[in-house]
């Protein structure tokens, strides 16, 4: 049983970098090279959320180390963000992050649809 547990621990440790970094890096390159825009939005949203999660972890590291299932919960959450069947990153960005960005006026000078000003269009003051 000891060897099996060691194998599971190693597999769990390897899953994090694969799910959180390697696959998203690969998928981001594929998205950049594809002609469509939808996959670009998914991966930009993923990197925004991943960066926010990483910064949050840095701030609350001393608290999170006391939560035994934190790494597993984080891995499951990241898998939901990453997997194309769920498009979790796009969902979270559109429902939570974008709403806050618009609410606090971070997107000033841009249209509500996120497209920005057209050439020659004057900014209304």
Protein backbone atom coordinates (compact mmCIF):
# COMPACT_ATOMS: atom_id res chain seq x y z
CA UNK A 1 0.00 0.00 0.00
CA UNK A 2 2.92 2.32 0.70
CA UNK A 3 4.15 2.23 -2.91
CA UNK A 4 0.66 2.84 -4.23
CA UNK A 5 0.27 5.86 -1.93
CA UNK A 6 3.66 7.18 -3.09
CA UNK A 7 2.55 6.74 -6.70
CA UNK A 8 -0.70 8.64 -6.07
CA UNK A 9 1.17 11.45 -4.31
CA UNK A 10 3.60 11.73 -7.22
CA UNK A 11 0.75 11.69 -9.73
CA UNK A 12 -1.06 14.40 -7.76
CA UNK A 13 2.09 16.53 -7.67
CA UNK A 14 2.59 16.13 -11.42
CA UNK A 15 -1.07 16.92 -12.22
CA UNK A 16 -0.77 20.49 -10.93
CA UNK A 17 1.88 21.75 -13.36
CA UNK A 18 0.29 19.81 -16.23
CA UNK A 19 -3.22 21.17 -15.64
CA UNK A 20 -2.27 24.66 -14.46
CA UNK A 21 0.62 25.49 -16.78
CA UNK A 22 1.62 23.06 -19.54
CA UNK A 23 -1.80 22.46 -21.10
CA UNK A 24 -2.83 26.16 -20.85
CA UNK A 25 0.48 27.21 -22.45
CA UNK A 26 -0.06 24.75 -25.31
CA UNK A 27 -3.72 25.74 -25.76
CA UNK A 28 -2.80 29.45 -25.69
CA UNK A 29 -0.32 28.99 -28.55
CA UNK A 30 -2.93 27.05 -30.54
CA UNK A 31 -5.50 29.81 -29.83
CA UNK A 32 -3.15 32.54 -31.04
CA UNK A 33 -2.53 30.64 -34.27
CA UNK A 34 -6.21 29.93 -34.93
CA UNK A 35 -8.28 32.40 -36.98
CA UNK A 36 -11.19 32.46 -34.48
CA UNK A 37 -11.48 34.81 -31.50
CA UNK A 38 -13.48 32.67 -29.07
CA UNK A 39 -10.53 30.52 -27.96
CA UNK A 40 -8.38 33.65 -27.53
CA UNK A 41 -10.92 35.01 -25.04
CA UNK A 42 -10.97 31.71 -23.12
CA UNK A 43 -7.20 31.67 -22.67
CA UNK A 44 -6.83 35.36 -21.90
CA UNK A 45 -9.54 34.95 -19.26
CA UNK A 46 -7.72 31.89 -17.91
CA UNK A 47 -4.41 33.73 -17.51
CA UNK A 48 -6.15 36.67 -15.81
CA UNK A 49 -7.86 34.35 -13.33
CA UNK A 50 -4.75 32.22 -12.79
CA UNK A 51 -2.69 35.34 -12.07
CA UNK A 52 -5.31 36.60 -9.63
CA UNK A 53 -5.44 33.21 -7.89
CA UNK A 54 -1.64 33.08 -7.64
CA UNK A 55 -1.47 36.59 -6.16
CA UNK A 56 -4.24 35.73 -3.70
CA UNK A 57 -2.34 32.61 -2.67
CA UNK A 58 0.80 34.67 -2.06
CA UNK A 59 -1.08 37.04 0.23
CA UNK A 60 -2.94 34.33 2.18
CA UNK A 61 -0.21 31.67 2.12
CA UNK A 62 0.01 31.40 5.90
CA UNK A 63 -3.74 30.74 6.15
CA UNK A 64 -4.00 28.40 3.16
CA UNK A 65 -1.24 26.11 4.40
CA UNK A 66 -3.55 25.15 7.29
CA UNK A 67 -6.27 23.96 4.88
CA UNK A 68 -5.34 20.35 4.04
CA UNK A 69 -7.45 20.09 0.88
CA UNK A 70 -6.46 23.48 -0.55
CA UNK A 71 -4.17 22.09 -3.28
CA UNK A 72 -6.75 19.48 -4.36
CA UNK A 73 -9.56 22.06 -4.38
CA UNK A 74 -7.38 24.46 -6.36
CA UNK A 75 -6.50 21.70 -8.84
CA UNK A 76 -10.19 20.86 -9.38
CA UNK A 77 -11.08 24.54 -9.80
CA UNK A 78 -8.26 25.09 -12.31
CA UNK A 79 -9.31 21.95 -14.21
CA UNK A 80 -12.83 23.41 -14.46
CA UNK A 81 -11.36 26.69 -15.76
CA UNK A 82 -9.17 24.90 -18.30
CA UNK A 83 -11.28 22.09 -19.74
CA UNK A 84 -12.88 23.11 -23.04
CA UNK A 85 -16.10 21.26 -22.18
CA UNK A 86 -16.79 23.74 -19.38
CA UNK A 87 -15.08 26.97 -20.53
CA UNK A 88 -14.98 27.96 -16.87
CA UNK A 89 -12.49 30.79 -17.38
CA UNK A 90 -14.76 32.54 -19.87
CA UNK A 91 -17.77 31.97 -17.62
CA UNK A 92 -16.08 33.44 -14.52
CA UNK A 93 -14.64 36.36 -16.48
CA UNK A 94 -17.95 37.31 -18.11
CA UNK A 95 -20.07 36.83 -14.98
CA UNK A 96 -17.80 38.20 -12.25
CA UNK A 97 -14.61 39.89 -13.37
CA UNK A 98 -15.93 41.90 -16.32
CA UNK A 99 -18.89 43.08 -14.25
CA UNK A 100 -16.51 44.48 -11.60
CA UNK A 101 -14.23 46.05 -14.21
CA UNK A 102 -17.17 47.88 -15.77
CA UNK A 103 -18.62 48.79 -12.35
CA UNK A 104 -15.41 50.46 -11.20
CA UNK A 105 -14.72 52.14 -14.54
CA UNK A 106 -11.46 50.36 -15.38
CA UNK A 107 -12.52 50.16 -19.04
CA UNK A 108 -12.88 53.91 -19.53
CA UNK A 109 -12.73 54.97 -23.15
CA UNK A 110 -14.01 51.60 -24.33
CA UNK A 111 -17.44 50.58 -25.48
CA UNK A 112 -19.52 48.37 -23.11
CA UNK A 113 -19.20 45.52 -25.61
CA UNK A 114 -15.43 45.55 -24.99
CA UNK A 115 -14.47 46.49 -28.54
CA UNK A 116 -12.89 49.90 -27.88
CA UNK A 117 -13.30 53.05 -29.94
CA UNK A 118 -13.40 52.92 -33.70
CA UNK A 119 -10.88 54.88 -35.72
CA UNK A 120 -11.76 58.54 -35.88
CA UNK A 121 -14.32 58.28 -33.08
CA UNK A 122 -14.00 61.06 -30.49
CA UNK A 123 -14.14 60.35 -26.76
CA UNK A 124 -17.19 61.92 -25.11
CA UNK A 125 -16.28 63.96 -22.04
